[in-house]
């Protein structure tokens, strides 16, 4: 039992510090980043997973999102005049998040 508590605290410190760093990098502040890291963990624990699953902010998804935001604000208007960059971001992020859900439902344990 004590090992589980120590592991949970260790993972929490890492997730919160990573969330704070992402919040500072986004310009929204450390608290917003820590809050979003906590929300991610809470929602994924409600949806399901395994008993030993740990969910939180990740660097690779941040890189994908940063690329999308950079494209939307720098190149979208030249390639598709009249489009709103914020609409592209708000429509693309949920679709990007649905791909792993669809894959897991389609392929199940085969992945």
N, C-alpha and C. Protein backbone atom coordinates (compact mmCIF):
# COMPACT_ATOMS: atom_id res chain seq x y z
N UNK A 1 0.83 -1.20 0.00
CA UNK A 1 0.00 0.00 0.00
C UNK A 1 0.87 1.26 0.00
N UNK A 2 1.90 1.29 0.81
CA UNK A 2 2.75 2.48 0.88
C UNK A 2 3.50 2.71 -0.44
N UNK A 3 3.83 1.61 -1.13
CA UNK A 3 4.50 1.75 -2.43
C UNK A 3 3.57 2.39 -3.45
N UNK A 4 2.29 2.07 -3.40
CA UNK A 4 1.33 2.68 -4.31
C UNK A 4 1.18 4.17 -4.05
N UNK A 5 1.18 4.55 -2.78
CA UNK A 5 1.05 5.97 -2.43
C UNK A 5 2.28 6.74 -2.90
N UNK A 6 3.46 6.18 -2.68
CA UNK A 6 4.70 6.83 -3.12
C UNK A 6 4.73 6.95 -4.64
N UNK A 7 4.32 5.91 -5.33
CA UNK A 7 4.28 5.95 -6.80
C UNK A 7 3.27 7.00 -7.28
N UNK A 8 2.12 7.07 -6.65
CA UNK A 8 1.11 8.05 -7.05
C UNK A 8 1.59 9.47 -6.83
N UNK A 9 2.25 9.72 -5.71
CA UNK A 9 2.78 11.06 -5.45
C UNK A 9 3.88 11.43 -6.44
N UNK A 10 4.73 10.48 -6.77
CA UNK A 10 5.80 10.73 -7.73
C UNK A 10 5.23 11.09 -9.10
N UNK A 11 4.27 10.31 -9.55
CA UNK A 11 3.64 10.57 -10.85
C UNK A 11 2.90 11.90 -10.82
N UNK A 12 2.25 12.22 -9.71
CA UNK A 12 1.52 13.48 -9.59
C UNK A 12 2.46 14.67 -9.69
N UNK A 13 3.61 14.59 -9.02
CA UNK A 13 4.57 15.69 -9.08
C UNK A 13 5.09 15.89 -10.50
N UNK A 14 5.36 14.81 -11.19
CA UNK A 14 5.84 14.91 -12.57
C UNK A 14 4.76 15.50 -13.47
N UNK A 15 3.53 15.02 -13.35
CA UNK A 15 2.44 15.50 -14.20
C UNK A 15 2.14 16.98 -13.92
N UNK A 16 2.14 17.37 -12.66
CA UNK A 16 1.85 18.76 -12.33
C UNK A 16 2.95 19.70 -12.80
N UNK A 17 4.20 19.28 -12.63
CA UNK A 17 5.29 20.15 -13.09
C UNK A 17 5.32 20.25 -14.61
N UNK A 18 5.02 19.15 -15.30
CA UNK A 18 4.95 19.19 -16.75
C UNK A 18 3.77 20.05 -17.20
N UNK A 19 2.65 19.94 -16.53
CA UNK A 19 1.50 20.80 -16.84
C UNK A 19 1.81 22.27 -16.60
N UNK A 20 2.52 22.58 -15.52
CA UNK A 20 2.91 23.96 -15.25
C UNK A 20 3.83 24.49 -16.35
N UNK A 21 4.76 23.66 -16.79
CA UNK A 21 5.67 24.08 -17.86
C UNK A 21 4.91 24.35 -19.15
N UNK A 22 3.97 23.47 -19.50
CA UNK A 22 3.19 23.68 -20.71
C UNK A 22 2.30 24.92 -20.57
N UNK A 23 1.78 25.16 -19.39
CA UNK A 23 0.98 26.36 -19.17
C UNK A 23 1.79 27.63 -19.34
N UNK A 24 3.01 27.63 -18.82
CA UNK A 24 3.88 28.80 -18.99
C UNK A 24 4.26 29.00 -20.45
N UNK A 25 4.56 27.90 -21.15
CA UNK A 25 4.93 28.00 -22.56
C UNK A 25 3.77 28.49 -23.42
N UNK A 26 2.55 28.16 -23.03
CA UNK A 26 1.40 28.60 -23.81
C UNK A 26 1.03 30.04 -23.54
N UNK A 27 1.58 30.61 -22.47
CA UNK A 27 1.26 31.99 -22.12
C UNK A 27 0.05 32.12 -21.22
N UNK A 28 -0.52 31.00 -20.80
CA UNK A 28 -1.71 31.03 -19.95
C UNK A 28 -1.38 30.99 -18.46
N UNK A 29 -0.15 30.66 -18.13
CA UNK A 29 0.26 30.62 -16.74
C UNK A 29 0.38 29.21 -16.20
N UNK A 30 1.16 29.09 -15.13
CA UNK A 30 1.44 27.77 -14.55
C UNK A 30 0.18 27.13 -13.98
N UNK A 31 -0.67 27.93 -13.33
CA UNK A 31 -1.87 27.35 -12.72
C UNK A 31 -2.80 26.75 -13.77
N UNK A 32 -2.96 27.42 -14.90
CA UNK A 32 -3.82 26.89 -15.97
C UNK A 32 -3.26 25.57 -16.48
N UNK A 33 -1.94 25.46 -16.60
CA UNK A 33 -1.33 24.22 -17.04
C UNK A 33 -1.52 23.09 -16.04
N UNK A 34 -1.35 23.40 -14.74
CA UNK A 34 -1.55 22.38 -13.71
C UNK A 34 -3.01 21.95 -13.65
N UNK A 35 -3.92 22.90 -13.81
CA UNK A 35 -5.34 22.57 -13.79
C UNK A 35 -5.71 21.68 -14.97
N UNK A 36 -5.17 21.99 -16.15
CA UNK A 36 -5.48 21.15 -17.31
C UNK A 36 -4.88 19.75 -17.16
N UNK A 37 -3.71 19.64 -16.53
CA UNK A 37 -3.12 18.32 -16.28
C UNK A 37 -4.01 17.51 -15.33
N UNK A 38 -4.56 18.17 -14.33
CA UNK A 38 -5.44 17.48 -13.39
C UNK A 38 -6.75 17.07 -14.06
N UNK A 39 -7.28 17.92 -14.92
CA UNK A 39 -8.53 17.60 -15.62
C UNK A 39 -8.33 16.41 -16.55
N UNK A 40 -7.19 16.37 -17.24
CA UNK A 40 -6.89 15.23 -18.12
C UNK A 40 -6.89 13.93 -17.32
N UNK A 41 -6.21 13.93 -16.20
CA UNK A 41 -6.13 12.72 -15.38
C UNK A 41 -7.50 12.32 -14.84
N UNK A 42 -8.29 13.30 -14.43
CA UNK A 42 -9.62 13.01 -13.88
C UNK A 42 -10.55 12.43 -14.94
N UNK A 43 -10.57 13.05 -16.11
CA UNK A 43 -11.48 12.58 -17.17
C UNK A 43 -11.08 11.19 -17.65
N UNK A 44 -9.79 10.95 -17.85
CA UNK A 44 -9.39 9.62 -18.32
C UNK A 44 -9.64 8.55 -17.26
N UNK A 45 -9.57 8.90 -15.99
CA UNK A 45 -9.88 7.91 -14.97
C UNK A 45 -11.38 7.61 -14.93
N UNK A 46 -12.21 8.59 -15.27
CA UNK A 46 -13.66 8.35 -15.32
C UNK A 46 -14.05 7.50 -16.52
N UNK A 47 -13.41 7.75 -17.65
CA UNK A 47 -13.76 7.05 -18.88
C UNK A 47 -13.37 5.58 -18.80
N UNK A 48 -12.25 5.30 -18.20
CA UNK A 48 -11.83 3.91 -18.10
C UNK A 48 -10.33 3.78 -18.17
N UNK A 49 -9.89 2.62 -18.52
CA UNK A 49 -8.46 2.36 -18.55
C UNK A 49 -8.13 1.18 -17.68
N UNK A 50 -6.91 1.12 -17.25
CA UNK A 50 -6.49 0.02 -16.39
C UNK A 50 -6.25 0.53 -14.98
N UNK A 51 -6.07 -0.39 -14.08
CA UNK A 51 -5.87 -0.04 -12.68
C UNK A 51 -4.56 0.71 -12.47
N UNK A 52 -3.58 0.47 -13.32
CA UNK A 52 -2.27 1.09 -13.15
C UNK A 52 -1.99 2.16 -14.21
N UNK A 53 -3.03 2.66 -14.85
CA UNK A 53 -2.88 3.66 -15.90
C UNK A 53 -2.56 5.03 -15.31
N UNK A 54 -1.72 5.78 -16.01
CA UNK A 54 -1.41 7.15 -15.63
C UNK A 54 -1.58 8.02 -16.87
N UNK A 55 -2.45 9.00 -16.80
CA UNK A 55 -2.67 9.90 -17.93
C UNK A 55 -2.32 11.31 -17.53
N UNK A 56 -1.76 12.03 -18.47
CA UNK A 56 -1.39 13.41 -18.20
C UNK A 56 -0.88 14.08 -19.45
N UNK A 57 -0.34 15.28 -19.30
CA UNK A 57 0.16 16.00 -20.47
C UNK A 57 1.39 15.31 -21.05
N UNK A 58 1.51 15.35 -22.37
CA UNK A 58 2.65 14.71 -23.02
C UNK A 58 3.30 15.66 -24.01
N UNK A 59 4.59 15.50 -24.16
CA UNK A 59 5.34 16.32 -25.10
C UNK A 59 4.98 16.09 -26.56
N UNK A 60 4.83 14.84 -27.00
CA UNK A 60 4.51 14.62 -28.41
C UNK A 60 3.20 15.26 -28.85
N UNK A 61 2.16 15.17 -28.05
CA UNK A 61 0.90 15.80 -28.44
C UNK A 61 1.02 17.32 -28.41
N UNK A 62 1.87 17.84 -27.54
CA UNK A 62 2.10 19.28 -27.53
C UNK A 62 2.78 19.72 -28.81
N UNK A 63 3.70 18.90 -29.31
CA UNK A 63 4.37 19.23 -30.57
C UNK A 63 3.38 19.21 -31.73
N UNK A 64 2.48 18.25 -31.75
CA UNK A 64 1.47 18.18 -32.80
C UNK A 64 0.55 19.40 -32.73
N UNK A 65 0.11 19.75 -31.54
CA UNK A 65 -0.78 20.90 -31.38
C UNK A 65 -0.07 22.20 -31.73
N UNK A 66 1.19 22.33 -31.34
CA UNK A 66 1.95 23.54 -31.68
C UNK A 66 2.10 23.69 -33.19
N UNK A 67 2.32 22.58 -33.88
CA UNK A 67 2.42 22.62 -35.35
C UNK A 67 1.10 23.06 -35.96
N UNK A 68 0.00 22.54 -35.46
CA UNK A 68 -1.32 22.91 -35.96
C UNK A 68 -1.59 24.39 -35.73
N UNK A 69 -1.30 24.88 -34.54
CA UNK A 69 -1.54 26.30 -34.23
C UNK A 69 -0.66 27.19 -35.10
N UNK A 70 0.61 26.81 -35.27
CA UNK A 70 1.50 27.61 -36.11
C UNK A 70 1.00 27.66 -37.55
N UNK A 71 0.56 26.53 -38.08
CA UNK A 71 0.01 26.51 -39.45
C UNK A 71 -1.24 27.37 -39.54
N UNK A 72 -2.13 27.22 -38.57
CA UNK A 72 -3.40 27.94 -38.62
C UNK A 72 -3.19 29.45 -38.60
N UNK A 73 -2.25 29.91 -37.81
CA UNK A 73 -2.07 31.36 -37.69
C UNK A 73 -1.10 31.93 -38.72
N UNK A 74 -0.25 31.12 -39.32
CA UNK A 74 0.73 31.64 -40.27
C UNK A 74 0.36 31.39 -41.73
N UNK A 75 -0.16 30.21 -42.05
CA UNK A 75 -0.32 29.83 -43.44
C UNK A 75 -1.77 29.60 -43.87
N UNK A 76 -2.69 29.49 -42.95
CA UNK A 76 -4.07 29.14 -43.32
C UNK A 76 -4.70 30.20 -44.21
N UNK A 77 -4.52 31.46 -43.87
CA UNK A 77 -5.17 32.52 -44.63
C UNK A 77 -4.61 32.65 -46.04
N UNK A 78 -3.35 32.28 -46.24
CA UNK A 78 -2.80 32.34 -47.60
C UNK A 78 -3.28 31.16 -48.44
N UNK A 79 -3.50 30.01 -47.81
CA UNK A 79 -3.93 28.82 -48.56
C UNK A 79 -5.45 28.74 -48.70
N UNK A 80 -6.16 29.18 -47.68
CA UNK A 80 -7.64 29.18 -47.71
C UNK A 80 -8.14 30.54 -47.24
N UNK A 81 -8.22 31.51 -48.14
CA UNK A 81 -8.64 32.86 -47.74
C UNK A 81 -10.04 32.86 -47.13
N UNK A 82 -10.21 33.68 -46.12
CA UNK A 82 -11.51 33.82 -45.48
C UNK A 82 -11.78 32.85 -44.35
N UNK A 83 -10.88 31.92 -44.10
CA UNK A 83 -11.07 30.95 -43.02
C UNK A 83 -10.57 31.52 -41.70
N UNK A 84 -11.20 31.13 -40.62
CA UNK A 84 -10.82 31.57 -39.29
C UNK A 84 -9.85 30.55 -38.68
N UNK A 85 -8.63 30.98 -38.31
CA UNK A 85 -7.66 30.03 -37.74
C UNK A 85 -8.16 29.35 -36.46
N UNK A 86 -8.90 30.08 -35.64
CA UNK A 86 -9.40 29.49 -34.39
C UNK A 86 -10.41 28.39 -34.67
N UNK A 87 -11.21 28.55 -35.72
CA UNK A 87 -12.18 27.50 -36.07
C UNK A 87 -11.46 26.23 -36.51
N UNK A 88 -10.38 26.38 -37.28
CA UNK A 88 -9.62 25.20 -37.70
C UNK A 88 -9.08 24.45 -36.49
N UNK A 89 -8.52 25.18 -35.54
CA UNK A 89 -7.95 24.55 -34.34
C UNK A 89 -9.06 23.86 -33.53
N UNK A 90 -10.18 24.56 -33.34
CA UNK A 90 -11.27 24.00 -32.54
C UNK A 90 -11.94 22.81 -33.20
N UNK A 91 -11.88 22.70 -34.51
CA UNK A 91 -12.48 21.55 -35.20
C UNK A 91 -11.49 20.40 -35.34
N UNK A 92 -10.22 20.71 -35.47
CA UNK A 92 -9.22 19.67 -35.69
C UNK A 92 -8.87 18.92 -34.41
N UNK A 93 -8.76 19.62 -33.30
CA UNK A 93 -8.36 18.96 -32.05
C UNK A 93 -9.30 17.84 -31.63
N UNK A 94 -10.63 18.05 -31.61
CA UNK A 94 -11.50 16.92 -31.25
C UNK A 94 -11.42 15.75 -32.22
N UNK A 95 -11.27 16.06 -33.52
CA UNK A 95 -11.15 14.97 -34.50
C UNK A 95 -9.86 14.19 -34.28
N UNK A 96 -8.78 14.90 -33.96
CA UNK A 96 -7.50 14.24 -33.68
C UNK A 96 -7.61 13.35 -32.45
N UNK A 97 -8.40 13.77 -31.49
CA UNK A 97 -8.55 12.98 -30.27
C UNK A 97 -9.45 11.77 -30.47
N UNK A 98 -10.32 11.80 -31.47
CA UNK A 98 -11.21 10.67 -31.71
C UNK A 98 -10.54 9.51 -32.43
N UNK A 99 -9.45 9.77 -33.14
CA UNK A 99 -8.78 8.71 -33.90
C UNK A 99 -8.35 7.55 -33.00
N UNK A 100 -7.67 7.78 -31.87
CA UNK A 100 -7.30 6.63 -31.02
C UNK A 100 -8.51 5.90 -30.45
N UNK A 101 -9.59 6.62 -30.17
CA UNK A 101 -10.80 5.97 -29.65
C UNK A 101 -11.39 5.04 -30.71
N UNK A 102 -11.47 5.53 -31.95
CA UNK A 102 -12.00 4.70 -33.03
C UNK A 102 -11.10 3.49 -33.28
N UNK A 103 -9.79 3.70 -33.25
CA UNK A 103 -8.86 2.58 -33.44
C UNK A 103 -9.02 1.53 -32.35
N UNK A 104 -9.15 1.97 -31.11
CA UNK A 104 -9.27 1.00 -30.02
C UNK A 104 -10.59 0.24 -30.10
N UNK A 105 -11.65 0.90 -30.52
CA UNK A 105 -12.94 0.21 -30.67
C UNK A 105 -12.93 -0.73 -31.87
N UNK A 106 -12.22 -0.36 -32.92
CA UNK A 106 -12.19 -1.17 -34.13
C UNK A 106 -11.29 -2.39 -33.98
N UNK A 107 -10.08 -2.16 -33.48
CA UNK A 107 -9.09 -3.24 -33.44
C UNK A 107 -9.01 -3.92 -32.09
N UNK A 108 -9.45 -3.27 -31.04
CA UNK A 108 -9.45 -3.88 -29.72
C UNK A 108 -8.07 -4.28 -29.25
N UNK A 109 -7.92 -5.55 -28.91
CA UNK A 109 -6.66 -6.06 -28.37
C UNK A 109 -5.61 -6.36 -29.43
N UNK A 110 -5.94 -6.18 -30.69
CA UNK A 110 -4.99 -6.48 -31.76
C UNK A 110 -3.85 -5.49 -31.83
N UNK A 111 -4.04 -4.28 -31.28
CA UNK A 111 -3.00 -3.25 -31.37
C UNK A 111 -1.85 -3.56 -30.50
